[in-house]
Amino acid sequence: GSARWDAGSLGVPARVGELSADVGLNAFFVEIGWSIDIFGPLYIR
């Protein structure tokens, strides 16, 4: 993703103007789910 802030919100001198950032996050995830048939091949989870 990307984000924008005013310089002062990150402790940078206000004369710098607007700050923009490109951000990449690496994460892991786990889930416990349940598949429930609702009609023919359709299901909810």
All heavy atoms as atom14 arrays in JSON, in Angstrom:
{
  "sequence": "GSARWDAGSLGVPARVGELSADVGLNAFFVEIGWSIDIFGPLYIR",
  "atom14_mask": [
    [1, 1, 1, 1, 0, 0, 0, 0, 0, 0, 0, 0, 0, 0],
    [1, 1, 1, 1, 1, 1, 0, 0, 0, 0, 0, 0, 0, 0],
    [1, 1, 1, 1, 1, 0, 0, 0, 0, 0, 0, 0, 0, 0],
    [1, 1, 1, 1, 1, 1, 1, 1, 1, 1, 1, 0, 0, 0],
    [1, 1, 1, 1, 1, 1, 1, 1, 1, 1, 1, 1, 1, 1],
    [1, 1, 1, 1, 1, 1, 1, 1, 0, 0, 0, 0, 0, 0],
    [1, 1, 1, 1, 1, 0, 0, 0, 0, 0, 0, 0, 0, 0],
    [1, 1, 1, 1, 0, 0, 0, 0, 0, 0, 0, 0, 0, 0],
    [1, 1, 1, 1, 1, 1, 0, 0, 0, 0, 0, 0, 0, 0],
    [1, 1, 1, 1, 1, 1, 1, 1, 0, 0, 0, 0, 0, 0],
    [1, 1, 1, 1, 0, 0, 0, 0, 0, 0, 0, 0, 0, 0],
    [1, 1, 1, 1, 1, 1, 1, 0, 0, 0, 0, 0, 0, 0],
    [1, 1, 1, 1, 1, 1, 1, 0, 0, 0, 0, 0, 0, 0],
    [1, 1, 1, 1, 1, 0, 0, 0, 0, 0, 0, 0, 0, 0],
    [1, 1, 1, 1, 1, 1, 1, 1, 1, 1, 1, 0, 0, 0],
    [1, 1, 1, 1, 1, 1, 1, 0, 0, 0, 0, 0, 0, 0],
    [1, 1, 1, 1, 0, 0, 0, 0, 0, 0, 0, 0, 0, 0],
    [1, 1, 1, 1, 1, 1, 1, 1, 1, 0, 0, 0, 0, 0],
    [1, 1, 1, 1, 1, 1, 1, 1, 0, 0, 0, 0, 0, 0],
    [1, 1, 1, 1, 1, 1, 0, 0, 0, 0, 0, 0, 0, 0],
    [1, 1, 1, 1, 1, 0, 0, 0, 0, 0, 0, 0, 0, 0],
    [1, 1, 1, 1, 1, 1, 1, 1, 0, 0, 0, 0, 0, 0],
    [1, 1, 1, 1, 1, 1, 1, 0, 0, 0, 0, 0, 0, 0],
    [1, 1, 1, 1, 0, 0, 0, 0, 0, 0, 0, 0, 0, 0],
    [1, 1, 1, 1, 1, 1, 1, 1, 0, 0, 0, 0, 0, 0],
    [1, 1, 1, 1, 1, 1, 1, 1, 0, 0, 0, 0, 0, 0],
    [1, 1, 1, 1, 1, 0, 0, 0, 0, 0, 0, 0, 0, 0],
    [1, 1, 1, 1, 1, 1, 1, 1, 1, 1, 1, 0, 0, 0],
    [1, 1, 1, 1, 1, 1, 1, 1, 1, 1, 1, 0, 0, 0],
    [1, 1, 1, 1, 1, 1, 1, 0, 0, 0, 0, 0, 0, 0],
    [1, 1, 1, 1, 1, 1, 1, 1, 1, 0, 0, 0, 0, 0],
    [1, 1, 1, 1, 1, 1, 1, 1, 0, 0, 0, 0, 0, 0],
    [1, 1, 1, 1, 0, 0, 0, 0, 0, 0, 0, 0, 0, 0],
    [1, 1, 1, 1, 1, 1, 1, 1, 1, 1, 1, 1, 1, 1],
    [1, 1, 1, 1, 1, 1, 0, 0, 0, 0, 0, 0, 0, 0],
    [1, 1, 1, 1, 1, 1, 1, 1, 0, 0, 0, 0, 0, 0],
    [1, 1, 1, 1, 1, 1, 1, 1, 0, 0, 0, 0, 0, 0],
    [1, 1, 1, 1, 1, 1, 1, 1, 0, 0, 0, 0, 0, 0],
    [1, 1, 1, 1, 1, 1, 1, 1, 1, 1, 1, 0, 0, 0],
    [1, 1, 1, 1, 0, 0, 0, 0, 0, 0, 0, 0, 0, 0],
    [1, 1, 1, 1, 1, 1, 1, 0, 0, 0, 0, 0, 0, 0],
    [1, 1, 1, 1, 1, 1, 1, 1, 0, 0, 0, 0, 0, 0],
    [1, 1, 1, 1, 1, 1, 1, 1, 1, 1, 1, 1, 0, 0],
    [1, 1, 1, 1, 1, 1, 1, 1, 0, 0, 0, 0, 0, 0],
    [1, 1, 1, 1, 1, 1, 1, 1, 1, 1, 1, 0, 0, 0]
  ],
  "atom14_positions": [
    [[0.82, -1.2, 0.0], [0.0, 0.0, 0.0], [0.84, 1.24, 0.0], [2.07, 1.2, -0.03], [0.0, 0.0, 0.0], [0.0, 0.0, 0.0], [0.0, 0.0, 0.0], [0.0, 0.0, 0.0], [0.0, 0.0, 0.0], [0.0, 0.0, 0.0], [0.0, 0.0, 0.0], [0.0, 0.0, 0.0], [0.0, 0.0, 0.0], [0.0, 0.0, 0.0]],
    [[0.16, 2.37, 0.04], [0.83, 3.67, 0.11], [0.05, 4.54, 1.09], [-1.12, 4.28, 1.39], [0.88, 4.33, -1.27], [-0.43, 4.52, -1.78], [0.0, 0.0, 0.0], [0.0, 0.0, 0.0], [0.0, 0.0, 0.0], [0.0, 0.0, 0.0], [0.0, 0.0, 0.0], [0.0, 0.0, 0.0], [0.0, 0.0, 0.0], [0.0, 0.0, 0.0]],
    [[0.71, 5.55, 1.61], [0.09, 6.43, 2.59], [0.67, 7.84, 2.47], [1.77, 8.03, 1.94], [0.32, 5.89, 4.0], [0.0, 0.0, 0.0], [0.0, 0.0, 0.0], [0.0, 0.0, 0.0], [0.0, 0.0, 0.0], [0.0, 0.0, 0.0], [0.0, 0.0, 0.0], [0.0, 0.0, 0.0], [0.0, 0.0, 0.0], [0.0, 0.0, 0.0]],
    [[-0.09, 8.81, 2.96], [0.34, 10.2, 2.96], [0.08, 10.8, 4.33], [-0.95, 10.54, 4.94], [-0.39, 11.01, 1.88], [-0.04, 10.57, 0.46], [-0.77, 11.42, -0.58], [-0.46, 10.96, -1.92], [0.61, 11.33, -2.62], [1.49, 12.17, -2.07], [0.83, 10.86, -3.82], [0.0, 0.0, 0.0], [0.0, 0.0, 0.0], [0.0, 0.0, 0.0]],
    [[1.03, 11.62, 4.8], [0.88, 12.32, 6.07], [1.42, 13.74, 5.94], [2.27, 14.01, 5.09], [1.68, 11.64, 7.19], [1.37, 10.19, 7.43], [0.34, 9.68, 8.18], [2.11, 9.08, 6.95], [0.39, 8.31, 8.19], [1.47, 7.91, 7.45], [3.25, 8.93, 6.16], [1.93, 6.63, 7.17], [3.72, 7.65, 5.87], [3.06, 6.52, 6.38]],
    [[0.95, 14.6, 6.81], [1.62, 15.89, 6.99], [2.94, 15.64, 7.69], [3.05, 14.77, 8.55], [0.75, 16.83, 7.83], [-0.51, 17.25, 7.11], [-0.48, 17.3, 5.87], [-1.53, 17.52, 7.79], [0.0, 0.0, 0.0], [0.0, 0.0, 0.0], [0.0, 0.0, 0.0], [0.0, 0.0, 0.0], [0.0, 0.0, 0.0], [0.0, 0.0, 0.0]],
    [[3.94, 16.42, 7.33], [5.28, 16.2, 7.88], [5.27, 16.24, 9.41], [5.94, 15.44, 10.06], [6.25, 17.24, 7.32], [0.0, 0.0, 0.0], [0.0, 0.0, 0.0], [0.0, 0.0, 0.0], [0.0, 0.0, 0.0], [0.0, 0.0, 0.0], [0.0, 0.0, 0.0], [0.0, 0.0, 0.0], [0.0, 0.0, 0.0], [0.0, 0.0, 0.0]],
    [[4.51, 17.15, 9.98], [4.52, 17.28, 11.42], [4.01, 16.07, 12.16], [4.38, 15.82, 13.31], [0.0, 0.0, 0.0], [0.0, 0.0, 0.0], [0.0, 0.0, 0.0], [0.0, 0.0, 0.0], [0.0, 0.0, 0.0], [0.0, 0.0, 0.0], [0.0, 0.0, 0.0], [0.0, 0.0, 0.0], [0.0, 0.0, 0.0], [0.0, 0.0, 0.0]],
    [[3.17, 15.27, 11.53], [2.61, 14.1, 12.2], [3.65, 13.01, 12.44], [3.46, 12.13, 13.28], [1.45, 13.53, 11.38], [1.9, 13.06, 10.12], [0.0, 0.0, 0.0], [0.0, 0.0, 0.0], [0.0, 0.0, 0.0], [0.0, 0.0, 0.0], [0.0, 0.0, 0.0], [0.0, 0.0, 0.0], [0.0, 0.0, 0.0], [0.0, 0.0, 0.0]],
    [[4.77, 13.06, 11.72], [5.85, 12.1, 11.91], [7.1, 12.75, 12.51], [8.19, 12.18, 12.46], [6.21, 11.42, 10.58], [5.12, 10.54, 9.96], [5.62, 9.91, 8.67], [4.65, 9.47, 10.92], [0.0, 0.0, 0.0], [0.0, 0.0, 0.0], [0.0, 0.0, 0.0], [0.0, 0.0, 0.0], [0.0, 0.0, 0.0], [0.0, 0.0, 0.0]],
    [[6.96, 13.93, 13.04], [8.08, 14.6, 13.68], [9.07, 15.19, 12.71], [10.22, 15.5, 13.09], [0.0, 0.0, 0.0], [0.0, 0.0, 0.0], [0.0, 0.0, 0.0], [0.0, 0.0, 0.0], [0.0, 0.0, 0.0], [0.0, 0.0, 0.0], [0.0, 0.0, 0.0], [0.0, 0.0, 0.0], [0.0, 0.0, 0.0], [0.0, 0.0, 0.0]],
    [[8.69, 15.39, 11.45], [9.57, 15.98, 10.43], [9.22, 17.47, 10.33], [8.05, 17.85, 10.44], [9.35, 15.27, 9.08], [10.19, 15.93, 7.99], [9.7, 13.8, 9.2], [0.0, 0.0, 0.0], [0.0, 0.0, 0.0], [0.0, 0.0, 0.0], [0.0, 0.0, 0.0], [0.0, 0.0, 0.0], [0.0, 0.0, 0.0], [0.0, 0.0, 0.0]],
    [[10.21, 18.34, 10.12], [9.93, 19.78, 10.02], [8.82, 20.08, 9.01], [8.77, 19.49, 7.93], [11.27, 20.39, 9.58], [12.28, 19.43, 10.11], [11.66, 18.09, 10.02], [0.0, 0.0, 0.0], [0.0, 0.0, 0.0], [0.0, 0.0, 0.0], [0.0, 0.0, 0.0], [0.0, 0.0, 0.0], [0.0, 0.0, 0.0], [0.0, 0.0, 0.0]],
    [[7.94, 20.99, 9.37], [6.77, 21.28, 8.54], [7.16, 21.77, 7.14], [6.4, 21.6, 6.18], [5.88, 22.3, 9.25], [0.0, 0.0, 0.0], [0.0, 0.0, 0.0], [0.0, 0.0, 0.0], [0.0, 0.0, 0.0], [0.0, 0.0, 0.0], [0.0, 0.0, 0.0], [0.0, 0.0, 0.0], [0.0, 0.0, 0.0], [0.0, 0.0, 0.0]],
    [[8.34, 22.43, 7.01], [8.74, 22.95, 5.7], [8.96, 21.84, 4.67], [8.98, 22.11, 3.47], [10.03, 23.76, 5.85], [11.23, 22.95, 6.32], [12.44, 23.85, 6.54], [13.58, 23.12, 7.07], [14.43, 22.41, 6.33], [14.25, 22.35, 5.01], [15.44, 21.78, 6.88], [0.0, 0.0, 0.0], [0.0, 0.0, 0.0], [0.0, 0.0, 0.0]],
    [[9.11, 20.6, 5.14], [9.29, 19.49, 4.21], [8.02, 19.26, 3.4], [8.05, 18.76, 2.28], [9.69, 18.21, 4.99], [9.73, 17.0, 4.08], [11.04, 18.42, 5.65], [0.0, 0.0, 0.0], [0.0, 0.0, 0.0], [0.0, 0.0, 0.0], [0.0, 0.0, 0.0], [0.0, 0.0, 0.0], [0.0, 0.0, 0.0], [0.0, 0.0, 0.0]],
    [[6.88, 19.65, 3.98], [5.62, 19.5, 3.26], [4.99, 18.14, 3.51], [5.13, 17.55, 4.58], [0.0, 0.0, 0.0], [0.0, 0.0, 0.0], [0.0, 0.0, 0.0], [0.0, 0.0, 0.0], [0.0, 0.0, 0.0], [0.0, 0.0, 0.0], [0.0, 0.0, 0.0], [0.0, 0.0, 0.0], [0.0, 0.0, 0.0], [0.0, 0.0, 0.0]],
    [[4.3, 17.64, 2.51], [3.59, 16.36, 2.66], [4.55, 15.19, 2.49], [5.43, 15.21, 1.62], [2.47, 16.26, 1.62], [1.58, 15.04, 1.8], [0.47, 14.98, 0.76], [0.8, 14.93, -0.45], [-0.7, 14.98, 1.16], [0.0, 0.0, 0.0], [0.0, 0.0, 0.0], [0.0, 0.0, 0.0], [0.0, 0.0, 0.0], [0.0, 0.0, 0.0]],
    [[4.38, 14.19, 3.31], [5.16, 12.96, 3.22], [4.33, 11.87, 2.58], [3.12, 11.73, 2.84], [5.6, 12.49, 4.61], [6.47, 13.44, 5.43], [6.78, 12.8, 6.78], [7.75, 13.76, 4.68], [0.0, 0.0, 0.0], [0.0, 0.0, 0.0], [0.0, 0.0, 0.0], [0.0, 0.0, 0.0], [0.0, 0.0, 0.0], [0.0, 0.0, 0.0]],
    [[4.95, 11.07, 1.74], [4.29, 9.91, 1.14], [5.16, 8.69, 1.37], [6.39, 8.79, 1.45], [4.04, 10.11, -0.35], [5.26, 10.31, -1.04], [0.0, 0.0, 0.0], [0.0, 0.0, 0.0], [0.0, 0.0, 0.0], [0.0, 0.0, 0.0], [0.0, 0.0, 0.0], [0.0, 0.0, 0.0], [0.0, 0.0, 0.0], [0.0, 0.0, 0.0]],
    [[4.52, 7.55, 1.49], [5.27, 6.32, 1.77], [4.72, 5.18, 0.95], [3.51, 5.07, 0.72], [5.19, 5.98, 3.26], [0.0, 0.0, 0.0], [0.0, 0.0, 0.0], [0.0, 0.0, 0.0], [0.0, 0.0, 0.0], [0.0, 0.0, 0.0], [0.0, 0.0, 0.0], [0.0, 0.0, 0.0], [0.0, 0.0, 0.0], [0.0, 0.0, 0.0]],
    [[5.62, 4.34, 0.5], [5.27, 3.05, -0.09], [5.62, 1.98, 0.93], [6.74, 1.94, 1.44], [6.03, 2.8, -1.39], [5.62, 3.76, -2.49], [4.42, 4.04, -2.59], [6.5, 4.25, -3.21], [0.0, 0.0, 0.0], [0.0, 0.0, 0.0], [0.0, 0.0, 0.0], [0.0, 0.0, 0.0], [0.0, 0.0, 0.0], [0.0, 0.0, 0.0]],
    [[4.65, 1.11, 1.22], [4.81, 0.15, 2.3], [4.53, -1.25, 1.79], [3.53, -1.5, 1.09], [3.85, 0.48, 3.47], [4.03, -0.52, 4.59], [4.1, 1.9, 3.96], [0.0, 0.0, 0.0], [0.0, 0.0, 0.0], [0.0, 0.0, 0.0], [0.0, 0.0, 0.0], [0.0, 0.0, 0.0], [0.0, 0.0, 0.0], [0.0, 0.0, 0.0]],
    [[5.41, -2.19, 2.12], [5.18, -3.61, 1.86], [5.29, -4.39, 3.15], [6.3, -4.27, 3.87], [0.0, 0.0, 0.0], [0.0, 0.0, 0.0], [0.0, 0.0, 0.0], [0.0, 0.0, 0.0], [0.0, 0.0, 0.0], [0.0, 0.0, 0.0], [0.0, 0.0, 0.0], [0.0, 0.0, 0.0], [0.0, 0.0, 0.0], [0.0, 0.0, 0.0]],
    [[4.27, -5.15, 3.47], [4.24, -5.91, 4.72], [4.23, -7.4, 4.43], [3.47, -7.87, 3.57], [3.0, -5.55, 5.55], [2.74, -4.07, 5.82], [1.47, -3.91, 6.64], [3.93, -3.43, 6.52], [0.0, 0.0, 0.0], [0.0, 0.0, 0.0], [0.0, 0.0, 0.0], [0.0, 0.0, 0.0], [0.0, 0.0, 0.0], [0.0, 0.0, 0.0]],
    [[5.09, -8.13, 5.12], [5.07, -9.59, 5.07], [4.41, -10.11, 6.35], [4.78, -9.71, 7.45], [6.49, -10.15, 4.97], [7.19, -9.69, 3.71], [6.66, -9.81, 2.61], [8.38, -9.15, 3.86], [0.0, 0.0, 0.0], [0.0, 0.0, 0.0], [0.0, 0.0, 0.0], [0.0, 0.0, 0.0], [0.0, 0.0, 0.0], [0.0, 0.0, 0.0]],
    [[3.42, -10.97, 6.19], [2.66, -11.45, 7.34], [2.34, -12.93, 7.18], [2.39, -13.48, 6.08], [1.36, -10.65, 7.49], [0.0, 0.0, 0.0], [0.0, 0.0, 0.0], [0.0, 0.0, 0.0], [0.0, 0.0, 0.0], [0.0, 0.0, 0.0], [0.0, 0.0, 0.0], [0.0, 0.0, 0.0], [0.0, 0.0, 0.0], [0.0, 0.0, 0.0]],
    [[2.01, -13.57, 8.29], [1.46, -14.91, 8.23], [0.05, -14.87, 8.82], [-0.29, -13.97, 9.61], [2.33, -15.93, 8.97], [2.27, -15.84, 10.47], [1.27, -16.51, 11.18], [3.2, -15.11, 11.18], [1.21, -16.44, 12.56], [3.14, -15.02, 12.57], [2.15, -15.7, 13.26], [0.0, 0.0, 0.0], [0.0, 0.0, 0.0], [0.0, 0.0, 0.0]],
    [[-0.77, -15.82, 8.42], [-2.13, -15.86, 8.93], [-2.53, -17.31, 9.2], [-2.01, -18.25, 8.59], [-3.12, -15.24, 7.93], [-3.33, -16.03, 6.67], [-4.36, -16.96, 6.57], [-2.48, -15.87, 5.59], [-4.54, -17.7, 5.41], [-2.65, -16.6, 4.42], [-3.69, -17.52, 4.33], [0.0, 0.0, 0.0], [0.0, 0.0, 0.0], [0.0, 0.0, 0.0]],
    [[-3.44, -17.49, 10.13], [-4.06, -18.78, 10.41], [-5.56, -18.55, 10.54], [-6.01, -17.49, 10.98], [-3.5, -19.43, 11.7], [-2.05, -19.82, 11.53], [-3.66, -18.5, 12.89], [0.0, 0.0, 0.0], [0.0, 0.0, 0.0], [0.0, 0.0, 0.0], [0.0, 0.0, 0.0], [0.0, 0.0, 0.0], [0.0, 0.0, 0.0], [0.0, 0.0, 0.0]],
    [[-6.34, -19.57, 10.16], [-7.79, -19.49, 10.26], [-8.37, -20.85, 10.61], [-7.85, -21.89, 10.18], [-8.41, -19.04, 8.93], [-8.41, -17.56, 8.7], [-9.25, -17.16, 7.5], [-9.46, -18.01, 6.6], [-9.71, -16.02, 7.45], [0.0, 0.0, 0.0], [0.0, 0.0, 0.0], [0.0, 0.0, 0.0], [0.0, 0.0, 0.0], [0.0, 0.0, 0.0]],
    [[-9.46, -20.83, 11.35], [-10.3, -21.99, 11.58], [-11.67, -21.65, 11.0], [-12.32, -20.69, 11.43], [-10.44, -22.33, 13.08], [-9.06, -22.6, 13.69], [-11.35, -23.53, 13.27], [-8.35, -23.79, 13.12], [0.0, 0.0, 0.0], [0.0, 0.0, 0.0], [0.0, 0.0, 0.0], [0.0, 0.0, 0.0], [0.0, 0.0, 0.0], [0.0, 0.0, 0.0]],
    [[-12.1, -22.41, 10.02], [-13.37, -22.14, 9.34], [-14.28, -23.34, 9.31], [-13.93, -24.44, 9.78], [0.0, 0.0, 0.0], [0.0, 0.0, 0.0], [0.0, 0.0, 0.0], [0.0, 0.0, 0.0], [0.0, 0.0, 0.0], [0.0, 0.0, 0.0], [0.0, 0.0, 0.0], [0.0, 0.0, 0.0], [0.0, 0.0, 0.0], [0.0, 0.0, 0.0]],
    [[-15.47, -23.13, 8.73], [-16.47, -24.19, 8.63], [-17.24, -24.0, 7.33], [-17.85, -22.96, 7.11], [-17.43, -24.15, 9.81], [-18.23, -25.41, 9.99], [-19.26, -25.85, 9.2], [-18.05, -26.4, 11.0], [-19.74, -27.04, 9.66], [-19.02, -27.41, 10.77], [-17.18, -26.52, 12.08], [-19.13, -28.53, 11.57], [-17.29, -27.64, 12.89], [-18.25, -28.62, 12.64]],
    [[-17.21, -25.02, 6.44], [-17.93, -24.96, 5.18], [-19.35, -25.5, 5.37], [-19.52, -26.62, 5.85], [-17.21, -25.78, 4.1], [-15.97, -25.2, 3.78], [0.0, 0.0, 0.0], [0.0, 0.0, 0.0], [0.0, 0.0, 0.0], [0.0, 0.0, 0.0], [0.0, 0.0, 0.0], [0.0, 0.0, 0.0], [0.0, 0.0, 0.0], [0.0, 0.0, 0.0]],
    [[-20.33, -24.7, 4.97], [-21.75, -25.05, 5.15], [-22.44, -24.98, 3.8], [-22.48, -23.92, 3.17], [-22.43, -24.09, 6.15], [-21.68, -24.08, 7.48], [-23.89, -24.48, 6.35], [-22.14, -22.98, 8.42], [0.0, 0.0, 0.0], [0.0, 0.0, 0.0], [0.0, 0.0, 0.0], [0.0, 0.0, 0.0], [0.0, 0.0, 0.0], [0.0, 0.0, 0.0]],
    [[-22.97, -26.11, 3.32], [-23.7, -26.12, 2.06], [-25.0, -25.33, 2.2], [-25.7, -25.44, 3.22], [-24.03, -27.55, 1.65], [-22.8, -28.31, 1.18], [-21.75, -27.66, 1.02], [-22.89, -29.53, 0.99], [0.0, 0.0, 0.0], [0.0, 0.0, 0.0], [0.0, 0.0, 0.0], [0.0, 0.0, 0.0], [0.0, 0.0, 0.0], [0.0, 0.0, 0.0]],
    [[-25.34, -24.56, 1.14], [-26.6, -23.81, 1.17], [-27.51, -24.18, 0.01], [-28.73, -24.22, 0.17], [-26.34, -22.3, 1.2], [-25.45, -21.87, 0.02], [-25.73, -21.88, 2.51], [-25.27, -20.36, -0.07], [0.0, 0.0, 0.0], [0.0, 0.0, 0.0], [0.0, 0.0, 0.0], [0.0, 0.0, 0.0], [0.0, 0.0, 0.0], [0.0, 0.0, 0.0]],
    [[-26.97, -24.48, -1.17], [-27.81, -24.86, -2.31], [-26.91, -25.41, -3.41], [-26.05, -24.68, -3.92], [-28.61, -23.66, -2.83], [-29.47, -24.0, -4.01], [-30.65, -24.71, -3.86], [-29.1, -23.61, -5.29], [-31.44, -25.03, -4.95], [-29.87, -23.92, -6.39], [-31.06, -24.63, -6.21], [0.0, 0.0, 0.0], [0.0, 0.0, 0.0], [0.0, 0.0, 0.0]],
    [[-27.11, -26.68, -3.77], [-26.32, -27.27, -4.85], [-24.84, -27.14, -4.56], [-24.37, -27.52, -3.49], [0.0, 0.0, 0.0], [0.0, 0.0, 0.0], [0.0, 0.0, 0.0], [0.0, 0.0, 0.0], [0.0, 0.0, 0.0], [0.0, 0.0, 0.0], [0.0, 0.0, 0.0], [0.0, 0.0, 0.0], [0.0, 0.0, 0.0], [0.0, 0.0, 0.0]],
    [[-24.08, -26.56, -5.51], [-22.62, -26.43, -5.3], [-22.24, -25.22, -4.45], [-21.07, -25.01, -4.18], [-22.09, -26.26, -6.73], [-23.2, -25.56, -7.44], [-24.48, -26.12, -6.86], [0.0, 0.0, 0.0], [0.0, 0.0, 0.0], [0.0, 0.0, 0.0], [0.0, 0.0, 0.0], [0.0, 0.0, 0.0], [0.0, 0.0, 0.0], [0.0, 0.0, 0.0]],
    [[-23.2, -24.42, -4.02], [-22.91, -23.2, -3.28], [-22.73, -23.49, -1.79], [-23.4, -24.36, -1.22], [-24.02, -22.18, -3.46], [-24.32, -21.76, -4.91], [-25.46, -20.76, -4.94], [-23.09, -21.19, -5.59], [0.0, 0.0, 0.0], [0.0, 0.0, 0.0], [0.0, 0.0, 0.0], [0.0, 0.0, 0.0], [0.0, 0.0, 0.0], [0.0, 0.0, 0.0]],
    [[-21.85, -22.74, -1.17], [-21.62, -22.89, 0.27], [-21.21, -21.56, 0.87], [-20.8, -20.63, 0.17], [-20.53, -23.94, 0.54], [-19.14, -23.54, 0.09], [-18.25, -22.9, 0.96], [-18.71, -23.79, -1.21], [-16.99, -22.53, 0.55], [-17.44, -23.42, -1.63], [-16.58, -22.79, -0.75], [-15.33, -22.41, -1.16], [0.0, 0.0, 0.0], [0.0, 0.0, 0.0]],
    [[-21.33, -21.45, 2.19], [-20.81, -20.3, 2.92], [-19.75, -20.79, 3.89], [-19.73, -21.97, 4.27], [-21.91, -19.52, 3.66], [-22.62, -20.43, 4.67], [-22.89, -18.91, 2.69], [-23.61, -19.68, 5.54], [0.0, 0.0, 0.0], [0.0, 0.0, 0.0], [0.0, 0.0, 0.0], [0.0, 0.0, 0.0], [0.0, 0.0, 0.0], [0.0, 0.0, 0.0]],
    [[-18.86, -19.86, 4.29], [-17.74, -20.25, 5.15], [-17.44, -19.14, 6.16], [-16.74, -18.18, 5.85], [-16.5, -20.52, 4.31], [-15.24, -20.87, 5.12], [-14.04, -20.94, 4.22], [-12.81, -21.19, 4.94], [-12.03, -20.25, 5.47], [-12.36, -18.98, 5.36], [-10.92, -20.58, 6.11], [0.0, 0.0, 0.0], [0.0, 0.0, 0.0], [0.0, 0.0, 0.0]]
  ]
}
